[in-house]
């Protein structure tokens, strides 16, 4: 299944080679979860991020099942000082 992935900030470091403007299309196995996407991108377990899938923030994204055509945004958290 194909998904559209966009990242912000430091999360762009985990995108595959060839990604343009912090965006890419990825092919995942049917039934893949967000955790499968994290593994594919090799995002470390201690990395902090915020996730939006189809324009909805997901509080606990790892077990979330992805579907064909999903639009996923992985955002670096904002910090204020």
PDB file of N, CA and C in Angstrom:
ATOM      1  N   UNK A   1       0.845  -1.175   0.000  1.00  0.00           N
ATOM      2  CA  UNK A   1       0.000   0.000   0.000  1.00  0.00           C
ATOM      3  C   UNK A   1       0.885   1.230   0.000  1.00  0.00           C
ATOM      4  N   UNK A   2       0.402   2.293  -0.601  1.00  0.00           N
ATOM      5  CA  UNK A   2       1.155   3.529  -0.696  1.00  0.00           C
ATOM      6  C   UNK A   2       0.629   4.552   0.296  1.00  0.00           C
ATOM      7  N   UNK A   3       1.577   5.255   0.958  1.00  0.00           N
ATOM      8  CA  UNK A   3       1.223   6.377   1.825  1.00  0.00           C
ATOM      9  C   UNK A   3       2.060   7.585   1.421  1.00  0.00           C
ATOM     10  N   UNK A   4       1.571   8.759   1.784  1.00  0.00           N
ATOM     11  CA  UNK A   4       2.322   9.998   1.580  1.00  0.00           C
ATOM     12  C   UNK A   4       2.886  10.403   2.936  1.00  0.00           C
ATOM     13  N   UNK A   5       4.180  10.679   2.993  1.00  0.00           N
ATOM     14  CA  UNK A   5       4.844  11.042   4.241  1.00  0.00           C
ATOM     15  C   UNK A   5       5.452  12.423   4.115  1.00  0.00           C
ATOM     16  N   UNK A   6       5.232  13.215   5.157  1.00  0.00           N
ATOM     17  CA  UNK A   6       5.858  14.538   5.251  1.00  0.00           C
ATOM     18  C   UNK A   6       6.438  14.656   6.646  1.00  0.00           C
ATOM     19  N   UNK A   7       7.540  15.358   6.778  1.00  0.00           N
ATOM     20  CA  UNK A   7       8.176  15.554   8.075  1.00  0.00           C
ATOM     21  C   UNK A   7       8.484  17.024   8.285  1.00  0.00           C
ATOM     22  N   UNK A   8       8.727  17.378   9.547  1.00  0.00           N
ATOM     23  CA  UNK A   8       9.162  18.738   9.864  1.00  0.00           C
ATOM     24  C   UNK A   8      10.409  18.660  10.736  1.00  0.00           C
ATOM     25  N   UNK A   9      11.178  19.733  10.697  1.00  0.00           N
ATOM     26  CA  UNK A   9      12.347  19.844  11.563  1.00  0.00           C
ATOM     27  C   UNK A   9      13.305  18.677  11.435  1.00  0.00           C
ATOM     28  N   UNK A  10      13.842  18.280  12.571  1.00  0.00           N
ATOM     29  CA  UNK A  10      14.854  17.223  12.608  1.00  0.00           C
ATOM     30  C   UNK A  10      14.324  15.874  12.131  1.00  0.00           C
ATOM     31  N   UNK A  11      13.016  15.695  12.117  1.00  0.00           N
ATOM     32  CA  UNK A  11      12.447  14.426  11.662  1.00  0.00           C
ATOM     33  C   UNK A  11      12.757  14.174  10.181  1.00  0.00           C
ATOM     34  N   UNK A  12      13.080  15.225   9.455  1.00  0.00           N
ATOM     35  CA  UNK A  12      13.439  15.069   8.037  1.00  0.00           C
ATOM     36  C   UNK A  12      14.728  14.279   7.861  1.00  0.00           C
ATOM     37  N   UNK A  13      15.536  14.200   8.913  1.00  0.00           N
ATOM     38  CA  UNK A  13      16.778  13.425   8.847  1.00  0.00           C
ATOM     39  C   UNK A  13      16.514  11.940   8.620  1.00  0.00           C
ATOM     40  N   UNK A  14      15.305  11.484   8.930  1.00  0.00           N
ATOM     41  CA  UNK A  14      14.982  10.057   8.820  1.00  0.00           C
ATOM     42  C   UNK A  14      14.337   9.679   7.491  1.00  0.00           C
ATOM     43  N   UNK A  15      14.108  10.643   6.626  1.00  0.00           N
ATOM     44  CA  UNK A  15      13.493  10.345   5.331  1.00  0.00           C
ATOM     45  C   UNK A  15      14.466   9.578   4.438  1.00  0.00           C
ATOM     46  N   UNK A  16      13.937   8.744   3.554  1.00  0.00           N
ATOM     47  CA  UNK A  16      14.815   8.016   2.637  1.00  0.00           C
ATOM     48  C   UNK A  16      15.495   8.953   1.637  1.00  0.00           C
ATOM     49  N   UNK A  17      16.612   8.515   1.126  1.00  0.00           N
ATOM     50  CA  UNK A  17      17.314   9.280   0.090  1.00  0.00           C
ATOM     51  C   UNK A  17      16.361   9.522  -1.077  1.00  0.00           C
ATOM     52  N   UNK A  18      16.483  10.691  -1.665  1.00  0.00           N
ATOM     53  CA  UNK A  18      15.631  11.023  -2.802  1.00  0.00           C
ATOM     54  C   UNK A  18      14.366  11.765  -2.415  1.00  0.00           C
ATOM     55  N   UNK A  19      14.127  11.916  -1.126  1.00  0.00           N
ATOM     56  CA  UNK A  19      12.953  12.675  -0.683  1.00  0.00           C
ATOM     57  C   UNK A  19      13.148  14.137  -1.059  1.00  0.00           C
ATOM     58  N   UNK A  20      12.048  14.789  -1.428  1.00  0.00           N
ATOM     59  CA  UNK A  20      12.123  16.173  -1.877  1.00  0.00           C
ATOM     60  C   UNK A  20      11.256  17.039  -0.978  1.00  0.00           C
ATOM     61  N   UNK A  21      11.857  18.116  -0.480  1.00  0.00           N
ATOM     62  CA  UNK A  21      11.137  19.093   0.348  1.00  0.00           C
ATOM     63  C   UNK A  21      10.435  18.433   1.532  1.00  0.00           C
ATOM     64  N   UNK A  22      11.154  17.522   2.201  1.00  0.00           N
ATOM     65  CA  UNK A  22      10.671  16.825   3.401  1.00  0.00           C
ATOM     66  C   UNK A  22       9.416  16.001   3.132  1.00  0.00           C
ATOM     67  N   UNK A  23       9.285  15.487   1.893  1.00  0.00           N
ATOM     68  CA  UNK A  23       8.129  14.677   1.506  1.00  0.00           C
ATOM     69  C   UNK A  23       8.585  13.487   0.680  1.00  0.00           C
ATOM     70  N   UNK A  24       7.804  12.397   0.796  1.00  0.00           N
ATOM     71  CA  UNK A  24       8.046  11.247  -0.059  1.00  0.00           C
ATOM     72  C   UNK A  24       6.803  10.358  -0.063  1.00  0.00           C
ATOM     73  N   UNK A  25       6.756   9.494  -1.037  1.00  0.00           N
ATOM     74  CA  UNK A  25       5.728   8.453  -1.089  1.00  0.00           C
ATOM     75  C   UNK A  25       6.422   7.155  -0.720  1.00  0.00           C
ATOM     76  N   UNK A  26       5.779   6.370   0.117  1.00  0.00           N
ATOM     77  CA  UNK A  26       6.366   5.100   0.551  1.00  0.00           C
ATOM     78  C   UNK A  26       5.412   3.956   0.270  1.00  0.00           C
ATOM     79  N   UNK A  27       5.983   2.836  -0.047  1.00  0.00           N
ATOM     80  CA  UNK A  27       5.218   1.601  -0.245  1.00  0.00           C
ATOM     81  C   UNK A  27       5.411   0.752   1.008  1.00  0.00           C
ATOM     82  N   UNK A  28       4.306   0.418   1.673  1.00  0.00           N
ATOM     83  CA  UNK A  28       4.330  -0.405   2.874  1.00  0.00           C
ATOM     84  C   UNK A  28       3.528  -1.680   2.627  1.00  0.00           C
ATOM     85  N   UNK A  29       3.803  -2.684   3.417  1.00  0.00           N
ATOM     86  CA  UNK A  29       3.036  -3.930   3.322  1.00  0.00           C
ATOM     87  C   UNK A  29       1.598  -3.680   3.755  1.00  0.00           C
ATOM     88  N   UNK A  30       0.651  -4.347   3.136  1.00  0.00           N
ATOM     89  CA  UNK A  30      -0.742  -4.215   3.581  1.00  0.00           C
ATOM     90  C   UNK A  30      -0.851  -4.553   5.072  1.00  0.00           C
ATOM     91  N   UNK A  31      -1.620  -3.747   5.793  1.00  0.00           N
ATOM     92  CA  UNK A  31      -1.797  -3.970   7.225  1.00  0.00           C
ATOM     93  C   UNK A  31      -0.700  -3.380   8.088  1.00  0.00           C
ATOM     94  N   UNK A  32       0.210  -2.631   7.489  1.00  0.00           N
ATOM     95  CA  UNK A  32       1.304  -2.031   8.255  1.00  0.00           C
ATOM     96  C   UNK A  32       0.762  -1.032   9.269  1.00  0.00           C
ATOM     97  N   UNK A  33       1.474  -0.925  10.378  1.00  0.00           N
ATOM     98  CA  UNK A  33       1.115   0.039  11.412  1.00  0.00           C
ATOM     99  C   UNK A  33       2.111   1.201  11.379  1.00  0.00           C
ATOM    100  N   UNK A  34       1.825   2.226  12.171  1.00  0.00           N
ATOM    101  CA  UNK A  34       2.767   3.334  12.276  1.00  0.00           C
ATOM    102  C   UNK A  34       4.096   2.825  12.836  1.00  0.00           C
ATOM    103  N   UNK A  35       4.057   1.846  13.736  1.00  0.00           N
ATOM    104  CA  UNK A  35       5.292   1.266  14.280  1.00  0.00           C
ATOM    105  C   UNK A  35       6.150   0.663  13.157  1.00  0.00           C
ATOM    106  N   UNK A  36       5.513   0.059  12.163  1.00  0.00           N
ATOM    107  CA  UNK A  36       6.249  -0.478  11.015  1.00  0.00           C
ATOM    108  C   UNK A  36       6.931   0.647  10.234  1.00  0.00           C
ATOM    109  N   UNK A  37       6.245   1.776  10.122  1.00  0.00           N
ATOM    110  CA  UNK A  37       6.828   2.940   9.435  1.00  0.00           C
ATOM    111  C   UNK A  37       8.027   3.462  10.218  1.00  0.00           C
ATOM    112  N   UNK A  38       7.905   3.552  11.538  1.00  0.00           N
ATOM    113  CA  UNK A  38       9.014   4.006  12.386  1.00  0.00           C
ATOM    114  C   UNK A  38      10.215   3.080  12.208  1.00  0.00           C
ATOM    115  N   UNK A  39       9.969   1.777  12.166  1.00  0.00           N
ATOM    116  CA  UNK A  39      11.062   0.813  11.973  1.00  0.00           C
ATOM    117  C   UNK A  39      11.707   0.988  10.599  1.00  0.00           C
ATOM    118  N   UNK A  40      10.895   1.168   9.573  1.00  0.00           N
ATOM    119  CA  UNK A  40      11.412   1.361   8.220  1.00  0.00           C
ATOM    120  C   UNK A  40      12.303   2.597   8.139  1.00  0.00           C
ATOM    121  N   UNK A  41      11.901   3.659   8.815  1.00  0.00           N
ATOM    122  CA  UNK A  41      12.665   4.911   8.788  1.00  0.00           C
ATOM    123  C   UNK A  41      13.828   4.915   9.778  1.00  0.00           C
ATOM    124  N   UNK A  42      13.917   3.877  10.616  1.00  0.00           N
ATOM    125  CA  UNK A  42      14.974   3.757  11.634  1.00  0.00           C
ATOM    126  C   UNK A  42      14.959   4.941  12.606  1.00  0.00           C
ATOM    127  N   UNK A  43      13.768   5.332  13.032  1.00  0.00           N
ATOM    128  CA  UNK A  43      13.634   6.387  14.032  1.00  0.00           C
ATOM    129  C   UNK A  43      13.905   5.746  15.398  1.00  0.00           C
ATOM    130  N   UNK A  44      14.869   6.283  16.162  1.00  0.00           N
ATOM    131  CA  UNK A  44      15.190   5.693  17.462  1.00  0.00           C
ATOM    132  C   UNK A  44      13.994   5.736  18.420  1.00  0.00           C
ATOM    133  N   UNK A  45      13.920   4.744  19.292  1.00  0.00           N
ATOM    134  CA  UNK A  45      12.812   4.633  20.247  1.00  0.00           C
ATOM    135  C   UNK A  45      12.728   5.833  21.185  1.00  0.00           C
ATOM    136  N   UNK A  46      13.852   6.491  21.448  1.00  0.00           N
ATOM    137  CA  UNK A  46      13.839   7.633  22.375  1.00  0.00           C
ATOM    138  C   UNK A  46      13.572   8.974  21.685  1.00  0.00           C
ATOM    139  N   UNK A  47      13.367   8.953  20.386  1.00  0.00           N
ATOM    140  CA  UNK A  47      13.096  10.195  19.635  1.00  0.00           C
ATOM    141  C   UNK A  47      11.673  10.672  19.944  1.00  0.00           C
ATOM    142  N   UNK A  48      11.534  11.972  20.160  1.00  0.00           N
ATOM    143  CA  UNK A  48      10.217  12.564  20.413  1.00  0.00           C
ATOM    144  C   UNK A  48       9.650  13.132  19.120  1.00  0.00           C
ATOM    145  N   UNK A  49       8.351  12.934  18.909  1.00  0.00           N
ATOM    146  CA  UNK A  49       7.695  13.468  17.718  1.00  0.00           C
ATOM    147  C   UNK A  49       6.194  13.517  17.953  1.00  0.00           C
ATOM    148  N   UNK A  50       5.524  14.266  17.101  1.00  0.00           N
ATOM    149  CA  UNK A  50       4.067  14.385  17.102  1.00  0.00           C
ATOM    150  C   UNK A  50       3.607  13.857  15.746  1.00  0.00           C
ATOM    151  N   UNK A  51       2.484  13.132  15.731  1.00  0.00           N
ATOM    152  CA  UNK A  51       2.035  12.476  14.500  1.00  0.00           C
ATOM    153  C   UNK A  51       0.621  12.916  14.132  1.00  0.00           C
ATOM    154  N   UNK A  52       0.462  13.216  12.861  1.00  0.00           N
ATOM    155  CA  UNK A  52      -0.851  13.496  12.290  1.00  0.00           C
ATOM    156  C   UNK A  52      -1.061  12.511  11.141  1.00  0.00           C
ATOM    157  N   UNK A  53      -2.227  11.864  11.156  1.00  0.00           N
ATOM    158  CA  UNK A  53      -2.586  10.970  10.060  1.00  0.00           C
ATOM    159  C   UNK A  53      -3.913  11.454   9.498  1.00  0.00           C
ATOM    160  N   UNK A  54      -3.892  11.791   8.220  1.00  0.00           N
ATOM    161  CA  UNK A  54      -5.079  12.330   7.546  1.00  0.00           C
ATOM    162  C   UNK A  54      -5.643  13.537   8.300  1.00  0.00           C
ATOM    163  N   UNK A  55      -4.723  14.422   8.708  1.00  0.00           N
ATOM    164  CA  UNK A  55      -5.040  15.696   9.355  1.00  0.00           C
ATOM    165  C   UNK A  55      -5.646  15.552  10.747  1.00  0.00           C
ATOM    166  N   UNK A  56      -5.411  14.424  11.406  1.00  0.00           N
ATOM    167  CA  UNK A  56      -5.864  14.226  12.781  1.00  0.00           C
ATOM    168  C   UNK A  56      -4.662  13.838  13.640  1.00  0.00           C
ATOM    169  N   UNK A  57      -4.469  14.574  14.744  1.00  0.00           N
ATOM    170  CA  UNK A  57      -3.384  14.227  15.657  1.00  0.00           C
ATOM    171  C   UNK A  57      -3.688  12.880  16.297  1.00  0.00           C
ATOM    172  N   UNK A  58      -2.662  12.046  16.400  1.00  0.00           N
ATOM    173  CA  UNK A  58      -2.802  10.705  16.956  1.00  0.00           C
ATOM    174  C   UNK A  58      -2.027  10.653  18.273  1.00  0.00           C
ATOM    175  N   UNK A  59      -2.742  10.442  19.377  1.00  0.00           N
ATOM    176  CA  UNK A  59      -2.122  10.459  20.704  1.00  0.00           C
ATOM    177  C   UNK A  59      -1.162   9.289  20.913  1.00  0.00           C
ATOM    178  N   UNK A  60      -1.519   8.107  20.451  1.00  0.00           N
ATOM    179  CA  UNK A  60      -0.695   6.909  20.608  1.00  0.00           C
ATOM    180  C   UNK A  60      -0.485   6.301  19.229  1.00  0.00           C
ATOM    181  N   UNK A  61       0.451   6.839  18.452  1.00  0.00           N
ATOM    182  CA  UNK A  61       0.526   6.462  17.038  1.00  0.00           C
ATOM    183  C   UNK A  61       1.094   5.075  16.746  1.00  0.00           C
ATOM    184  N   UNK A  62       1.950   4.523  17.596  1.00  0.00           N
ATOM    185  CA  UNK A  62       2.648   3.283  17.246  1.00  0.00           C
ATOM    186  C   UNK A  62       1.709   2.144  16.836  1.00  0.00           C
ATOM    187  N   UNK A  63       0.624   1.864  17.557  1.00  0.00           N
ATOM    188  CA  UNK A  63      -0.230   0.751  17.137  1.00  0.00           C
ATOM    189  C   UNK A  63      -1.229   1.114  16.028  1.00  0.00           C
ATOM    190  N   UNK A  64      -1.253   2.373  15.623  1.00  0.00           N
ATOM    191  CA  UNK A  64      -2.233   2.826  14.638  1.00  0.00           C
ATOM    192  C   UNK A  64      -2.019   2.128  13.291  1.00  0.00           C
ATOM    193  N   UNK A  65      -3.059   1.485  12.780  1.00  0.00           N
ATOM    194  CA  UNK A  65      -2.989   0.823  11.476  1.00  0.00           C
ATOM    195  C   UNK A  65      -3.059   1.860  10.362  1.00  0.00           C
ATOM    196  N   UNK A  66      -2.188   1.726   9.402  1.00  0.00           N
ATOM    197  CA  UNK A  66      -2.186   2.625   8.245  1.00  0.00           C
ATOM    198  C   UNK A  66      -2.997   1.991   7.121  1.00  0.00           C
ATOM    199  N   UNK A  67      -3.480   2.840   6.218  1.00  0.00           N
ATOM    200  CA  UNK A  67      -4.291   2.367   5.099  1.00  0.00           C
ATOM    201  C   UNK A  67      -3.797   3.008   3.806  1.00  0.00           C
ATOM    202  N   UNK A  68      -4.123   2.374   2.696  1.00  0.00           N
ATOM    203  CA  UNK A  68      -3.781   2.889   1.370  1.00  0.00           C
ATOM    204  C   UNK A  68      -4.184   4.362   1.263  1.00  0.00           C
ATOM    205  N   UNK A  69      -3.231   5.192   0.826  1.00  0.00           N
ATOM    206  CA  UNK A  69      -3.516   6.597   0.588  1.00  0.00           C
ATOM    207  C   UNK A  69      -3.433   7.494   1.801  1.00  0.00           C
ATOM    208  N   UNK A  70      -3.084   6.947   2.971  1.00  0.00           N
ATOM    209  CA  UNK A  70      -2.976   7.790   4.158  1.00  0.00           C
ATOM    210  C   UNK A  70      -1.921   8.867   3.956  1.00  0.00           C
ATOM    211  N   UNK A  71      -2.184  10.012   4.553  1.00  0.00           N
ATOM    212  CA  UNK A  71      -1.251  11.119   4.582  1.00  0.00           C
ATOM    213  C   UNK A  71      -0.710  11.227   6.006  1.00  0.00           C
ATOM    214  N   UNK A  72       0.588  10.962   6.167  1.00  0.00           N
ATOM    215  CA  UNK A  72       1.206  10.925   7.490  1.00  0.00           C
ATOM    216  C   UNK A  72       2.189  12.085   7.607  1.00  0.00           C
ATOM    217  N   UNK A  73       2.095  12.801   8.727  1.00  0.00           N
ATOM    218  CA  UNK A  73       3.052  13.871   9.022  1.00  0.00           C
ATOM    219  C   UNK A  73       3.707  13.530  10.346  1.00  0.00           C
ATOM    220  N   UNK A  74       5.029  13.492  10.344  1.00  0.00           N
ATOM    221  CA  UNK A  74       5.791  13.290  11.574  1.00  0.00           C
ATOM    222  C   UNK A  74       6.491  14.613  11.864  1.00  0.00           C
ATOM    223  N   UNK A  75       6.093  15.208  12.977  1.00  0.00           N
ATOM    224  CA  UNK A  75       6.583  16.554  13.317  1.00  0.00           C
ATOM    225  C   UNK A  75       7.522  16.529  14.513  1.00  0.00           C
ATOM    226  N   UNK A  76       8.550  17.329  14.415  1.00  0.00           N
ATOM    227  CA  UNK A  76       9.420  17.521  15.568  1.00  0.00           C
ATOM    228  C   UNK A  76       8.635  18.334  16.595  1.00  0.00           C
ATOM    229  N   UNK A  77       8.761  18.000  17.897  1.00  0.00           N
ATOM    230  CA  UNK A  77       8.020  18.759  18.898  1.00  0.00           C
ATOM    231  C   UNK A  77       8.544  20.190  18.992  1.00  0.00           C
ATOM    232  N   UNK A  78       7.659  21.085  19.336  1.00  0.00           N
ATOM    233  CA  UNK A  78       8.034  22.475  19.518  1.00  0.00           C
ATOM    234  C   UNK A  78       8.455  22.689  20.967  1.00  0.00           C
ATOM    235  N   UNK A  79       9.429  23.556  21.157  1.00  0.00           N
ATOM    236  CA  UNK A  79       9.878  23.893  22.502  1.00  0.00           C
ATOM    237  C   UNK A  79       9.960  25.407  22.617  1.00  0.00           C
ATOM    238  N   UNK A  80       9.549  25.894  23.737  1.00  0.00           N
ATOM    239  CA  UNK A  80       9.628  27.340  23.988  1.00  0.00           C
ATOM    240  C   UNK A  80      10.459  27.571  25.233  1.00  0.00           C
ATOM    241  N   UNK A  81      11.121  28.662  25.256  1.00  0.00           N
ATOM    242  CA  UNK A  81      12.003  28.896  26.399  1.00  0.00           C
ATOM    243  C   UNK A  81      11.783  30.156  27.001  1.00  0.00           C
TER     244      UNK A  81
END
